[in-house]
C-alpha cells in the first residue's frame, strides 16, 4: 500500500518528468505570471498548456489563482524541497557505499580514489 508521502513523491516526480513542465517551473522561478504569459514560449495548444498546469498544480508544484478571467501561477517550493530531501537520502546512502568501496580497494590494493 502506498502511503500519502509516497503518493506526493509520485506526483512530484511524475510532474517533473516532462520537459515542458520543468521549463514552466523554471519560468515561474522569475515570479508569478499568467497562464497566457507562461505558455508564450511553448508551441503547444491551450488545452495542452491547461493540462500541464493542472499536473503541476495537482503535484503541489504551482499555485493557481483566478482574478476575473486571468489565471495566475506561482511556483511552490515545498514539494521541490520534499523531492530534494528524498534524493539527498539516496545520495548519502551511495556516498557511504562508495567510501566503503574506496576503503576496501585502498586496504587490499593500496590504490584508492586519491591514487
PDB file of N, CA and C in Angstrom:
ATOM      1  N   UNK A   1       0.842  -1.182   0.000  1.00  0.00           N
ATOM      2  CA  UNK A   1       0.000   0.000   0.000  1.00  0.00           C
ATOM      3  C   UNK A   1       0.887   1.244   0.000  1.00  0.00           C
ATOM      4  N   UNK A   2       0.534   2.198  -0.796  1.00  0.00           N
ATOM      5  CA  UNK A   2       1.304   3.428  -0.932  1.00  0.00           C
ATOM      6  C   UNK A   2       0.789   4.448   0.077  1.00  0.00           C
ATOM      7  N   UNK A   3       1.714   4.971   0.928  1.00  0.00           N
ATOM      8  CA  UNK A   3       1.275   5.974   1.900  1.00  0.00           C
ATOM      9  C   UNK A   3       1.209   7.350   1.240  1.00  0.00           C
ATOM     10  N   UNK A   4       0.681   8.307   1.975  1.00  0.00           N
ATOM     11  CA  UNK A   4       0.451   9.632   1.380  1.00  0.00           C
ATOM     12  C   UNK A   4       1.752  10.332   0.996  1.00  0.00           C
ATOM     13  N   UNK A   5       2.821  10.114   1.766  1.00  0.00           N
ATOM     14  CA  UNK A   5       4.112  10.727   1.421  1.00  0.00           C
ATOM     15  C   UNK A   5       4.640  10.163   0.104  1.00  0.00           C
ATOM     16  N   UNK A   6       4.489   8.859  -0.083  1.00  0.00           N
ATOM     17  CA  UNK A   6       4.909   8.236  -1.344  1.00  0.00           C
ATOM     18  C   UNK A   6       4.050   8.726  -2.502  1.00  0.00           C
ATOM     19  N   UNK A   7       2.759   8.901  -2.255  1.00  0.00           N
ATOM     20  CA  UNK A   7       1.874   9.415  -3.302  1.00  0.00           C
ATOM     21  C   UNK A   7       2.289  10.824  -3.722  1.00  0.00           C
ATOM     22  N   UNK A   8       2.643  11.650  -2.731  1.00  0.00           N
ATOM     23  CA  UNK A   8       3.100  13.008  -3.038  1.00  0.00           C
ATOM     24  C   UNK A   8       4.358  12.968  -3.901  1.00  0.00           C
ATOM     25  N   UNK A   9       5.316  12.114  -3.507  1.00  0.00           N
ATOM     26  CA  UNK A   9       6.547  11.999  -4.287  1.00  0.00           C
ATOM     27  C   UNK A   9       6.261  11.502  -5.699  1.00  0.00           C
ATOM     28  N   UNK A  10       5.346  10.546  -5.826  1.00  0.00           N
ATOM     29  CA  UNK A  10       4.977  10.048  -7.156  1.00  0.00           C
ATOM     30  C   UNK A  10       4.437  11.172  -8.030  1.00  0.00           C
ATOM     31  N   UNK A  11       3.569  12.001  -7.461  1.00  0.00           N
ATOM     32  CA  UNK A  11       3.008  13.126  -8.218  1.00  0.00           C
ATOM     33  C   UNK A  11       4.087  14.143  -8.596  1.00  0.00           C
ATOM     34  N   UNK A  12       4.979  14.419  -7.656  1.00  0.00           N
ATOM     35  CA  UNK A  12       6.045  15.394  -7.903  1.00  0.00           C
ATOM     36  C   UNK A  12       6.961  14.914  -9.022  1.00  0.00           C
ATOM     37  N   UNK A  13       7.458  13.680  -8.886  1.00  0.00           N
ATOM     38  CA  UNK A  13       8.396  13.182  -9.893  1.00  0.00           C
ATOM     39  C   UNK A  13       7.721  12.960 -11.238  1.00  0.00           C
ATOM     40  N   UNK A  14       6.460  12.578 -11.224  1.00  0.00           N
ATOM     41  CA  UNK A  14       5.729  12.431 -12.483  1.00  0.00           C
ATOM     42  C   UNK A  14       5.595  13.788 -13.174  1.00  0.00           C
ATOM     43  N   UNK A  15       5.272  14.807 -12.398  1.00  0.00           N
ATOM     44  CA  UNK A  15       5.149  16.154 -12.969  1.00  0.00           C
ATOM     45  C   UNK A  15       6.489  16.647 -13.503  1.00  0.00           C
ATOM     46  N   UNK A  16       7.560  16.356 -12.783  1.00  0.00           N
ATOM     47  CA  UNK A  16       8.887  16.812 -13.194  1.00  0.00           C
ATOM     48  C   UNK A  16       9.463  16.004 -14.354  1.00  0.00           C
ATOM     49  N   UNK A  17       8.822  14.902 -14.692  1.00  0.00           N
ATOM     50  CA  UNK A  17       9.358  14.045 -15.760  1.00  0.00           C
ATOM     51  C   UNK A  17       9.176  14.647 -17.150  1.00  0.00           C
ATOM     52  N   UNK A  18       8.339  15.654 -17.267  1.00  0.00           N
ATOM     53  CA  UNK A  18       8.064  16.249 -18.574  1.00  0.00           C
ATOM     54  C   UNK A  18       8.895  17.522 -18.771  1.00  0.00           C
ATOM     55  N   UNK A  19       9.623  17.630 -19.885  1.00  0.00           N
ATOM     56  CA  UNK A  19      10.470  18.811 -20.095  1.00  0.00           C
ATOM     57  C   UNK A  19       9.693  20.128 -20.203  1.00  0.00           C
ATOM     58  N   UNK A  20       8.484  20.087 -20.733  1.00  0.00           N
ATOM     59  CA  UNK A  20       7.685  21.316 -20.820  1.00  0.00           C
ATOM     60  C   UNK A  20       7.315  21.803 -19.430  1.00  0.00           C
ATOM     61  N   UNK A  21       6.913  20.883 -18.564  1.00  0.00           N
ATOM     62  CA  UNK A  21       6.553  21.279 -17.193  1.00  0.00           C
ATOM     63  C   UNK A  21       7.772  21.792 -16.429  1.00  0.00           C
ATOM     64  N   UNK A  22       8.929  21.158 -16.632  1.00  0.00           N
ATOM     65  CA  UNK A  22      10.142  21.664 -15.974  1.00  0.00           C
ATOM     66  C   UNK A  22      10.462  23.073 -16.465  1.00  0.00           C
ATOM     67  N   UNK A  23      10.295  23.306 -17.751  1.00  0.00           N
ATOM     68  CA  UNK A  23      10.547  24.649 -18.305  1.00  0.00           C
ATOM     69  C   UNK A  23       9.551  25.660 -17.748  1.00  0.00           C
ATOM     70  N   UNK A  24       8.306  25.250 -17.575  1.00  0.00           N
ATOM     71  CA  UNK A  24       7.305  26.144 -16.981  1.00  0.00           C
ATOM     72  C   UNK A  24       7.710  26.528 -15.559  1.00  0.00           C
ATOM     73  N   UNK A  25       8.154  25.551 -14.779  1.00  0.00           N
ATOM     74  CA  UNK A  25       8.595  25.847 -13.414  1.00  0.00           C
ATOM     75  C   UNK A  25       9.797  26.782 -13.427  1.00  0.00           C
ATOM     76  N   UNK A  26      10.701  26.563 -14.362  1.00  0.00           N
ATOM     77  CA  UNK A  26      11.872  27.430 -14.482  1.00  0.00           C
ATOM     78  C   UNK A  26      11.427  28.870 -14.743  1.00  0.00           C
ATOM     79  N   UNK A  27      10.452  29.043 -15.625  1.00  0.00           N
ATOM     80  CA  UNK A  27       9.932  30.389 -15.918  1.00  0.00           C
ATOM     81  C   UNK A  27       9.278  30.999 -14.683  1.00  0.00           C
ATOM     82  N   UNK A  28       8.570  30.179 -13.927  1.00  0.00           N
ATOM     83  CA  UNK A  28       7.909  30.691 -12.723  1.00  0.00           C
ATOM     84  C   UNK A  28       8.913  31.046 -11.632  1.00  0.00           C
ATOM     85  N   UNK A  29      10.131  30.560 -11.756  1.00  0.00           N
ATOM     86  CA  UNK A  29      11.177  30.940 -10.814  1.00  0.00           C
ATOM     87  C   UNK A  29      11.472  32.427 -10.862  1.00  0.00           C
ATOM     88  N   UNK A  30      11.124  33.070 -11.975  1.00  0.00           N
ATOM     89  CA  UNK A  30      11.311  34.521 -12.109  1.00  0.00           C
ATOM     90  C   UNK A  30      10.183  35.311 -11.466  1.00  0.00           C
ATOM     91  N   UNK A  31       9.116  34.627 -11.090  1.00  0.00           N
ATOM     92  CA  UNK A  31       7.998  35.301 -10.448  1.00  0.00           C
ATOM     93  C   UNK A  31       6.659  34.860 -11.006  1.00  0.00           C
ATOM     94  N   UNK A  32       5.614  35.304 -10.353  1.00  0.00           N
ATOM     95  CA  UNK A  32       4.244  34.965 -10.752  1.00  0.00           C
ATOM     96  C   UNK A  32       3.958  35.468 -12.159  1.00  0.00           C
ATOM     97  N   UNK A  33       3.185  34.675 -12.909  1.00  0.00           N
ATOM     98  CA  UNK A  33       2.757  35.119 -14.238  1.00  0.00           C
ATOM     99  C   UNK A  33       1.452  34.447 -14.612  1.00  0.00           C
ATOM    100  N   UNK A  34       0.781  35.046 -15.571  1.00  0.00           N
ATOM    101  CA  UNK A  34      -0.481  34.482 -16.049  1.00  0.00           C
ATOM    102  C   UNK A  34      -0.195  33.212 -16.839  1.00  0.00           C
ATOM    103  N   UNK A  35      -1.217  32.378 -16.964  1.00  0.00           N
ATOM    104  CA  UNK A  35      -1.079  31.160 -17.758  1.00  0.00           C
ATOM    105  C   UNK A  35      -0.724  31.525 -19.195  1.00  0.00           C
ATOM    106  N   UNK A  36      -1.330  32.595 -19.717  1.00  0.00           N
ATOM    107  CA  UNK A  36      -1.028  33.031 -21.087  1.00  0.00           C
ATOM    108  C   UNK A  36       0.446  33.401 -21.228  1.00  0.00           C
ATOM    109  N   UNK A  37       0.978  34.159 -20.282  1.00  0.00           N
ATOM    110  CA  UNK A  37       2.393  34.540 -20.329  1.00  0.00           C
ATOM    111  C   UNK A  37       3.292  33.322 -20.145  1.00  0.00           C
ATOM    112  N   UNK A  38       2.878  32.432 -19.259  1.00  0.00           N
ATOM    113  CA  UNK A  38       3.643  31.213 -19.002  1.00  0.00           C
ATOM    114  C   UNK A  38       3.763  30.355 -20.255  1.00  0.00           C
ATOM    115  N   UNK A  39       2.712  30.342 -21.064  1.00  0.00           N
ATOM    116  CA  UNK A  39       2.670  29.461 -22.233  1.00  0.00           C
ATOM    117  C   UNK A  39       3.337  30.045 -23.478  1.00  0.00           C
ATOM    118  N   UNK A  40       3.704  31.330 -23.451  1.00  0.00           N
ATOM    119  CA  UNK A  40       4.218  32.009 -24.651  1.00  0.00           C
ATOM    120  C   UNK A  40       5.331  31.274 -25.392  1.00  0.00           C
ATOM    121  N   UNK A  41       6.381  30.799 -24.719  1.00  0.00           N
ATOM    122  CA  UNK A  41       7.484  30.210 -25.488  1.00  0.00           C
ATOM    123  C   UNK A  41       7.227  28.789 -26.001  1.00  0.00           C
ATOM    124  N   UNK A  42       6.101  28.216 -25.644  1.00  0.00           N
ATOM    125  CA  UNK A  42       5.835  26.830 -25.999  1.00  0.00           C
ATOM    126  C   UNK A  42       4.898  26.744 -27.198  1.00  0.00           C
ATOM    127  N   UNK A  43       5.245  25.906 -28.135  1.00  0.00           N
ATOM    128  CA  UNK A  43       4.434  25.713 -29.332  1.00  0.00           C
ATOM    129  C   UNK A  43       3.455  24.565 -29.091  1.00  0.00           C
ATOM    130  N   UNK A  44       2.542  24.794 -28.146  1.00  0.00           N
ATOM    131  CA  UNK A  44       1.534  23.784 -27.813  1.00  0.00           C
ATOM    132  C   UNK A  44       0.176  24.468 -27.697  1.00  0.00           C
ATOM    133  N   UNK A  45      -0.877  23.660 -27.791  1.00  0.00           N
ATOM    134  CA  UNK A  45      -2.240  24.199 -27.755  1.00  0.00           C
ATOM    135  C   UNK A  45      -2.608  24.679 -26.351  1.00  0.00           C
ATOM    136  N   UNK A  46      -3.642  25.506 -26.279  1.00  0.00           N
ATOM    137  CA  UNK A  46      -4.132  25.976 -24.977  1.00  0.00           C
ATOM    138  C   UNK A  46      -4.588  24.817 -24.097  1.00  0.00           C
ATOM    139  N   UNK A  47      -5.307  23.813 -24.657  1.00  0.00           N
ATOM    140  CA  UNK A  47      -5.673  22.669 -23.814  1.00  0.00           C
ATOM    141  C   UNK A  47      -4.448  21.921 -23.265  1.00  0.00           C
ATOM    142  N   UNK A  48      -3.388  21.842 -24.059  1.00  0.00           N
ATOM    143  CA  UNK A  48      -2.166  21.181 -23.578  1.00  0.00           C
ATOM    144  C   UNK A  48      -1.527  21.986 -22.453  1.00  0.00           C
ATOM    145  N   UNK A  49      -1.525  23.308 -22.591  1.00  0.00           N
ATOM    146  CA  UNK A  49      -0.995  24.172 -21.530  1.00  0.00           C
ATOM    147  C   UNK A  49      -1.803  23.967 -20.255  1.00  0.00           C
ATOM    148  N   UNK A  50      -3.119  23.960 -20.392  1.00  0.00           N
ATOM    149  CA  UNK A  50      -4.000  23.760 -19.236  1.00  0.00           C
ATOM    150  C   UNK A  50      -3.714  22.426 -18.565  1.00  0.00           C
ATOM    151  N   UNK A  51      -3.513  21.395 -19.362  1.00  0.00           N
ATOM    152  CA  UNK A  51      -3.213  20.072 -18.807  1.00  0.00           C
ATOM    153  C   UNK A  51      -1.903  20.106 -18.026  1.00  0.00           C
ATOM    154  N   UNK A  52      -0.869  20.724 -18.586  1.00  0.00           N
ATOM    155  CA  UNK A  52       0.418  20.818 -17.890  1.00  0.00           C
ATOM    156  C   UNK A  52       0.277  21.589 -16.581  1.00  0.00           C
ATOM    157  N   UNK A  53      -0.456  22.687 -16.619  1.00  0.00           N
ATOM    158  CA  UNK A  53      -0.658  23.489 -15.408  1.00  0.00           C
ATOM    159  C   UNK A  53      -1.387  22.665 -14.348  1.00  0.00           C
ATOM    160  N   UNK A  54      -2.394  21.914 -14.746  1.00  0.00           N
ATOM    161  CA  UNK A  54      -3.141  21.088 -13.789  1.00  0.00           C
ATOM    162  C   UNK A  54      -2.266  20.000 -13.181  1.00  0.00           C
ATOM    163  N   UNK A  55      -1.401  19.390 -13.987  1.00  0.00           N
ATOM    164  CA  UNK A  55      -0.489  18.367 -13.456  1.00  0.00           C
ATOM    165  C   UNK A  55       0.441  18.992 -12.418  1.00  0.00           C
ATOM    166  N   UNK A  56       0.995  20.154 -12.727  1.00  0.00           N
ATOM    167  CA  UNK A  56       1.869  20.844 -11.775  1.00  0.00           C
ATOM    168  C   UNK A  56       1.105  21.255 -10.520  1.00  0.00           C
ATOM    169  N   UNK A  57      -0.120  21.692 -10.717  1.00  0.00           N
ATOM    170  CA  UNK A  57      -0.960  22.103  -9.587  1.00  0.00           C
ATOM    171  C   UNK A  57      -1.305  20.903  -8.709  1.00  0.00           C
ATOM    172  N   UNK A  58      -1.670  19.781  -9.321  1.00  0.00           N
ATOM    173  CA  UNK A  58      -2.009  18.573  -8.556  1.00  0.00           C
ATOM    174  C   UNK A  58      -0.812  18.039  -7.776  1.00  0.00           C
ATOM    175  N   UNK A  59       0.381  18.264  -8.291  1.00  0.00           N
ATOM    176  CA  UNK A  59       1.594  17.838  -7.597  1.00  0.00           C
ATOM    177  C   UNK A  59       2.008  18.839  -6.522  1.00  0.00           C
ATOM    178  N   UNK A  60       1.306  19.970  -6.459  1.00  0.00           N
ATOM    179  CA  UNK A  60       1.624  20.999  -5.481  1.00  0.00           C
ATOM    180  C   UNK A  60       2.788  21.880  -5.885  1.00  0.00           C
ATOM    181  N   UNK A  61       3.248  21.743  -7.127  1.00  0.00           N
ATOM    182  CA  UNK A  61       4.415  22.492  -7.586  1.00  0.00           C
ATOM    183  C   UNK A  61       4.093  23.922  -8.002  1.00  0.00           C
ATOM    184  N   UNK A  62       2.835  24.194  -8.255  1.00  0.00           N
ATOM    185  CA  UNK A  62       2.438  25.571  -8.516  1.00  0.00           C
ATOM    186  C   UNK A  62       1.077  25.833  -7.906  1.00  0.00           C
ATOM    187  N   UNK A  63       0.847  27.090  -7.650  1.00  0.00           N
ATOM    188  CA  UNK A  63      -0.437  27.543  -7.115  1.00  0.00           C
ATOM    189  C   UNK A  63      -1.047  28.463  -8.149  1.00  0.00           C
ATOM    190  N   UNK A  64      -2.314  28.188  -8.457  1.00  0.00           N
ATOM    191  CA  UNK A  64      -3.016  28.995  -9.461  1.00  0.00           C
ATOM    192  C   UNK A  64      -4.103  29.790  -8.758  1.00  0.00           C
ATOM    193  N   UNK A  65      -4.159  31.078  -9.062  1.00  0.00           N
ATOM    194  CA  UNK A  65      -5.223  31.935  -8.543  1.00  0.00           C
ATOM    195  C   UNK A  65      -5.934  32.563  -9.732  1.00  0.00           C
ATOM    196  N   UNK A  66      -7.195  32.879  -9.520  1.00  0.00           N
ATOM    197  CA  UNK A  66      -8.001  33.449 -10.595  1.00  0.00           C
ATOM    198  C   UNK A  66      -8.398  34.863 -10.199  1.00  0.00           C
ATOM    199  N   UNK A  67      -8.147  35.796 -11.114  1.00  0.00           N
ATOM    200  CA  UNK A  67      -8.539  37.184 -10.930  1.00  0.00           C
ATOM    201  C   UNK A  67      -9.348  37.563 -12.167  1.00  0.00           C
ATOM    202  N   UNK A  68     -10.662  37.490 -12.042  1.00  0.00           N
ATOM    203  CA  UNK A  68     -11.520  37.699 -13.210  1.00  0.00           C
ATOM    204  C   UNK A  68     -11.362  36.526 -14.160  1.00  0.00           C
ATOM    205  N   UNK A  69     -10.923  36.821 -15.375  1.00  0.00           N
ATOM    206  CA  UNK A  69     -10.707  35.756 -16.360  1.00  0.00           C
ATOM    207  C   UNK A  69      -9.240  35.370 -16.481  1.00  0.00           C
ATOM    208  N   UNK A  70      -8.401  36.024 -15.705  1.00  0.00           N
ATOM    209  CA  UNK A  70      -6.959  35.781 -15.773  1.00  0.00           C
ATOM    210  C   UNK A  70      -6.552  34.794 -14.683  1.00  0.00           C
ATOM    211  N   UNK A  71      -5.876  33.727 -15.101  1.00  0.00           N
ATOM    212  CA  UNK A  71      -5.341  32.736 -14.165  1.00  0.00           C
ATOM    213  C   UNK A  71      -3.854  33.023 -13.979  1.00  0.00           C
ATOM    214  N   UNK A  72      -3.450  33.217 -12.725  1.00  0.00           N
ATOM    215  CA  UNK A  72      -2.052  33.491 -12.398  1.00  0.00           C
ATOM    216  C   UNK A  72      -1.447  32.268 -11.730  1.00  0.00           C
ATOM    217  N   UNK A  73      -0.183  32.010 -12.028  1.00  0.00           N
ATOM    218  CA  UNK A  73       0.531  30.868 -11.460  1.00  0.00           C
ATOM    219  C   UNK A  73       1.740  31.349 -10.675  1.00  0.00           C
ATOM    220  N   UNK A  74       2.007  30.643  -9.594  1.00  0.00           N
ATOM    221  CA  UNK A  74       3.167  30.933  -8.750  1.00  0.00           C
ATOM    222  C   UNK A  74       3.783  29.595  -8.357  1.00  0.00           C
ATOM    223  N   UNK A  75       5.112  29.507  -8.422  1.00  0.00           N
ATOM    224  CA  UNK A  75       5.804  28.277  -8.052  1.00  0.00           C
ATOM    225  C   UNK A  75       5.679  28.046  -6.547  1.00  0.00           C
ATOM    226  N   UNK A  76       5.574  26.802  -6.153  1.00  0.00           N
ATOM    227  CA  UNK A  76       5.542  26.400  -4.752  1.00  0.00           C
ATOM    228  C   UNK A  76       6.798  25.564  -4.499  1.00  0.00           C
ATOM    229  N   UNK A  77       7.645  25.992  -3.585  1.00  0.00           N
ATOM    230  CA  UNK A  77       8.935  25.326  -3.397  1.00  0.00           C
ATOM    231  C   UNK A  77       8.889  24.134  -2.454  1.00  0.00           C
ATOM    232  N   UNK A  78       7.890  24.042  -1.613  1.00  0.00           N
ATOM    233  CA  UNK A  78       7.833  22.959  -0.633  1.00  0.00           C
ATOM    234  C   UNK A  78       7.932  21.569  -1.267  1.00  0.00           C
ATOM    235  N   UNK A  79       7.187  21.274  -2.342  1.00  0.00           N
ATOM    236  CA  UNK A  79       7.329  19.950  -2.955  1.00  0.00           C
ATOM    237  C   UNK A  79       8.723  19.715  -3.546  1.00  0.00           C
ATOM    238  N   UNK A  80       9.361  20.771  -4.025  1.00  0.00           N
ATOM    239  CA  UNK A  80      10.721  20.623  -4.539  1.00  0.00           C
ATOM    240  C   UNK A  80      11.678  20.274  -3.409  1.00  0.00           C
ATOM    241  N   UNK A  81      11.451  20.846  -2.234  1.00  0.00           N
ATOM    242  CA  UNK A  81      12.266  20.504  -1.065  1.00  0.00           C
ATOM    243  C   UNK A  81      12.046  19.050  -0.677  1.00  0.00           C
ATOM    244  N   UNK A  82      10.798  18.596  -0.737  1.00  0.00           N
ATOM    245  CA  UNK A  82      10.481  17.203  -0.418  1.00  0.00           C
ATOM    246  C   UNK A  82      11.223  16.259  -1.355  1.00  0.00           C
ATOM    247  N   UNK A  83      11.195  16.554  -2.647  1.00  0.00           N
ATOM    248  CA  UNK A  83      11.894  15.721  -3.630  1.00  0.00           C
ATOM    249  C   UNK A  83      13.402  15.774  -3.405  1.00  0.00           C
ATOM    250  N   UNK A  84      13.915  16.948  -3.098  1.00  0.00           N
ATOM    251  CA  UNK A  84      15.344  17.112  -2.855  1.00  0.00           C
ATOM    252  C   UNK A  84      15.788  16.310  -1.634  1.00  0.00           C
ATOM    253  N   UNK A  85      14.990  16.322  -0.575  1.00  0.00           N
ATOM    254  CA  UNK A  85      15.314  15.550   0.630  1.00  0.00           C
ATOM    255  C   UNK A  85      15.323  14.057   0.324  1.00  0.00           C
ATOM    256  N   UNK A  86      14.381  13.603  -0.482  1.00  0.00           N
ATOM    257  CA  UNK A  86      14.327  12.192  -0.864  1.00  0.00           C
ATOM    258  C   UNK A  86      15.596  11.814  -1.634  1.00  0.00           C
ATOM    259  N   UNK A  87      15.999  12.662  -2.569  1.00  0.00           N
ATOM    260  CA  UNK A  87      17.206  12.380  -3.356  1.00  0.00           C
ATOM    261  C   UNK A  87      18.460  12.471  -2.492  1.00  0.00           C
ATOM    262  N   UNK A  88      18.477  13.395  -1.544  1.00  0.00           N
ATOM    263  CA  UNK A  88      19.633  13.550  -0.652  1.00  0.00           C
ATOM    264  C   UNK A  88      19.851  12.288   0.173  1.00  0.00           C
ATOM    265  N   UNK A  89      18.767  11.643   0.606  1.00  0.00           N
ATOM    266  CA  UNK A  89      18.887  10.393   1.355  1.00  0.00           C
ATOM    267  C   UNK A  89      19.668   9.369   0.537  1.00  0.00           C
ATOM    268  N   UNK A  90      19.312   9.212  -0.728  1.00  0.00           N
ATOM    269  CA  UNK A  90      19.991   8.224  -1.576  1.00  0.00           C
ATOM    270  C   UNK A  90      21.392   8.676  -1.976  1.00  0.00           C
ATOM    271  N   UNK A  91      21.597   9.966  -2.090  1.00  0.00           N
ATOM    272  CA  UNK A  91      22.942  10.467  -2.347  1.00  0.00           C
ATOM    273  C   UNK A  91      23.859  10.102  -1.187  1.00  0.00           C
ATOM    274  N   UNK A  92      23.388  10.319   0.045  1.00  0.00           N
ATOM    275  CA  UNK A  92      24.176   9.964   1.225  1.00  0.00           C
ATOM    276  C   UNK A  92      24.410   8.463   1.293  1.00  0.00           C
ATOM    277  N   UNK A  93      23.376   7.686   1.000  1.00  0.00           N
ATOM    278  CA  UNK A  93      23.483   6.229   1.004  1.00  0.00           C
ATOM    279  C   UNK A  93      24.590   5.777   0.058  1.00  0.00           C
ATOM    280  N   UNK A  94      24.562   6.266  -1.188  1.00  0.00           N
ATOM    281  CA  UNK A  94      25.549   5.836  -2.177  1.00  0.00           C
ATOM    282  C   UNK A  94      26.931   6.403  -1.886  1.00  0.00           C
ATOM    283  N   UNK A  95      27.016   7.598  -1.346  1.00  0.00           N
ATOM    284  CA  UNK A  95      28.327   8.133  -0.973  1.00  0.00           C
ATOM    285  C   UNK A  95      28.993   7.259   0.074  1.00  0.00           C
ATOM    286  N   UNK A  96      28.221   6.780   1.049  1.00  0.00           N
ATOM    287  CA  UNK A  96      28.768   5.876   2.071  1.00  0.00           C
ATOM    288  C   UNK A  96      29.234   4.575   1.436  1.00  0.00           C
ATOM    289  N   UNK A  97      28.459   4.041   0.507  1.00  0.00           N
ATOM    290  CA  UNK A  97      28.841   2.797  -0.176  1.00  0.00           C
ATOM    291  C   UNK A  97      30.129   2.996  -0.975  1.00  0.00           C
ATOM    292  N   UNK A  98      30.233   4.118  -1.689  1.00  0.00           N
ATOM    293  CA  UNK A  98      31.443   4.384  -2.474  1.00  0.00           C
ATOM    294  C   UNK A  98      32.652   4.614  -1.571  1.00  0.00           C
ATOM    295  N   UNK A  99      32.443   5.274  -0.433  1.00  0.00           N
ATOM    296  CA  UNK A  99      33.543   5.461   0.515  1.00  0.00           C
ATOM    297  C   UNK A  99      34.017   4.120   1.053  1.00  0.00           C
ATOM    298  N   UNK A 100      33.075   3.224   1.357  1.00  0.00           N
ATOM    299  CA  UNK A 100      33.434   1.889   1.838  1.00  0.00           C
ATOM    300  C   UNK A 100      34.181   1.114   0.757  1.00  0.00           C
ATOM    301  N   UNK A 101      33.750   1.229  -0.483  1.00  0.00           N
ATOM    302  CA  UNK A 101      34.441   0.565  -1.590  1.00  0.00           C
ATOM    303  C   UNK A 101      35.849   1.125  -1.745  1.00  0.00           C
ATOM    304  N   UNK A 102      35.985   2.437  -1.645  1.00  0.00           N
ATOM    305  CA  UNK A 102      37.305   3.056  -1.742  1.00  0.00           C
ATOM    306  C   UNK A 102      38.215   2.558  -0.631  1.00  0.00           C
ATOM    307  N   UNK A 103      37.684   2.470   0.578  1.00  0.00           N
ATOM    308  CA  UNK A 103      38.479   1.971   1.706  1.00  0.00           C
ATOM    309  C   UNK A 103      38.900   0.536   1.447  1.00  0.00           C
ATOM    310  N   UNK A 104      37.980  -0.279   0.974  1.00  0.00           N
ATOM    311  CA  UNK A 104      38.293  -1.679   0.671  1.00  0.00           C
ATOM    312  C   UNK A 104      39.395  -1.761  -0.388  1.00  0.00           C
ATOM    313  N   UNK A 105      39.263  -0.995  -1.453  1.00  0.00           N
ATOM    314  CA  UNK A 105      40.274  -1.019  -2.517  1.00  0.00           C
ATOM    315  C   UNK A 105      41.621  -0.520  -2.014  1.00  0.00           C
ATOM    316  N   UNK A 106      41.602   0.500  -1.172  1.00  0.00           N
ATOM    317  CA  UNK A 106      42.840   1.021  -0.601  1.00  0.00           C
ATOM    318  C   UNK A 106      43.491  -0.022   0.292  1.00  0.00           C
ATOM    319  N   UNK A 107      42.683  -0.679   1.127  1.00  0.00           N
ATOM    320  CA  UNK A 107      43.206  -1.687   2.050  1.00  0.00           C
ATOM    321  C   UNK A 107      43.740  -2.915   1.326  1.00  0.00           C
ATOM    322  N   UNK A 108      43.103  -3.311   0.239  1.00  0.00           N
ATOM    323  CA  UNK A 108      43.501  -4.550  -0.438  1.00  0.00           C
ATOM    324  C   UNK A 108      44.524  -4.342  -1.543  1.00  0.00           C
ATOM    325  N   UNK A 109      44.535  -3.177  -2.158  1.00  0.00           N
ATOM    326  CA  UNK A 109      45.457  -2.958  -3.280  1.00  0.00           C
ATOM    327  C   UNK A 109      46.404  -1.798  -3.040  1.00  0.00           C
ATOM    328  N   UNK A 110      46.097  -0.994  -2.061  1.00  0.00           N
ATOM    329  CA  UNK A 110      46.907   0.194  -1.831  1.00  0.00           C
ATOM    330  C   UNK A 110      46.589   1.326  -2.789  1.00  0.00           C
ATOM    331  N   UNK A 111      45.553   1.137  -3.619  1.00  0.00           N
ATOM    332  CA  UNK A 111      45.179   2.165  -4.600  1.00  0.00           C
ATOM    333  C   UNK A 111      43.733   2.582  -4.374  1.00  0.00           C
ATOM    334  N   UNK A 112      43.551   3.755  -3.828  1.00  0.00           N
ATOM    335  CA  UNK A 112      42.206   4.294  -3.639  1.00  0.00           C
ATOM    336  C   UNK A 112      41.931   5.398  -4.630  1.00  0.00           C
ATOM    337  N   UNK A 113      40.893   6.154  -4.361  1.00  0.00           N
ATOM    338  CA  UNK A 113      40.497   7.213  -5.295  1.00  0.00           C
ATOM    339  C   UNK A 113      41.526   8.329  -5.381  1.00  0.00           C
ATOM    340  N   UNK A 114      42.352   8.485  -4.368  1.00  0.00           N
ATOM    341  CA  UNK A 114      43.344   9.561  -4.374  1.00  0.00           C
ATOM    342  C   UNK A 114      44.681   9.121  -4.965  1.00  0.00           C
ATOM    343  N   UNK A 115      44.746   7.912  -5.460  1.00  0.00           N
ATOM    344  CA  UNK A 115      45.999   7.400  -6.014  1.00  0.00           C
ATOM    345  C   UNK A 115      46.036   7.567  -7.510  1.00  0.00           C
TER     346      UNK A 115
END
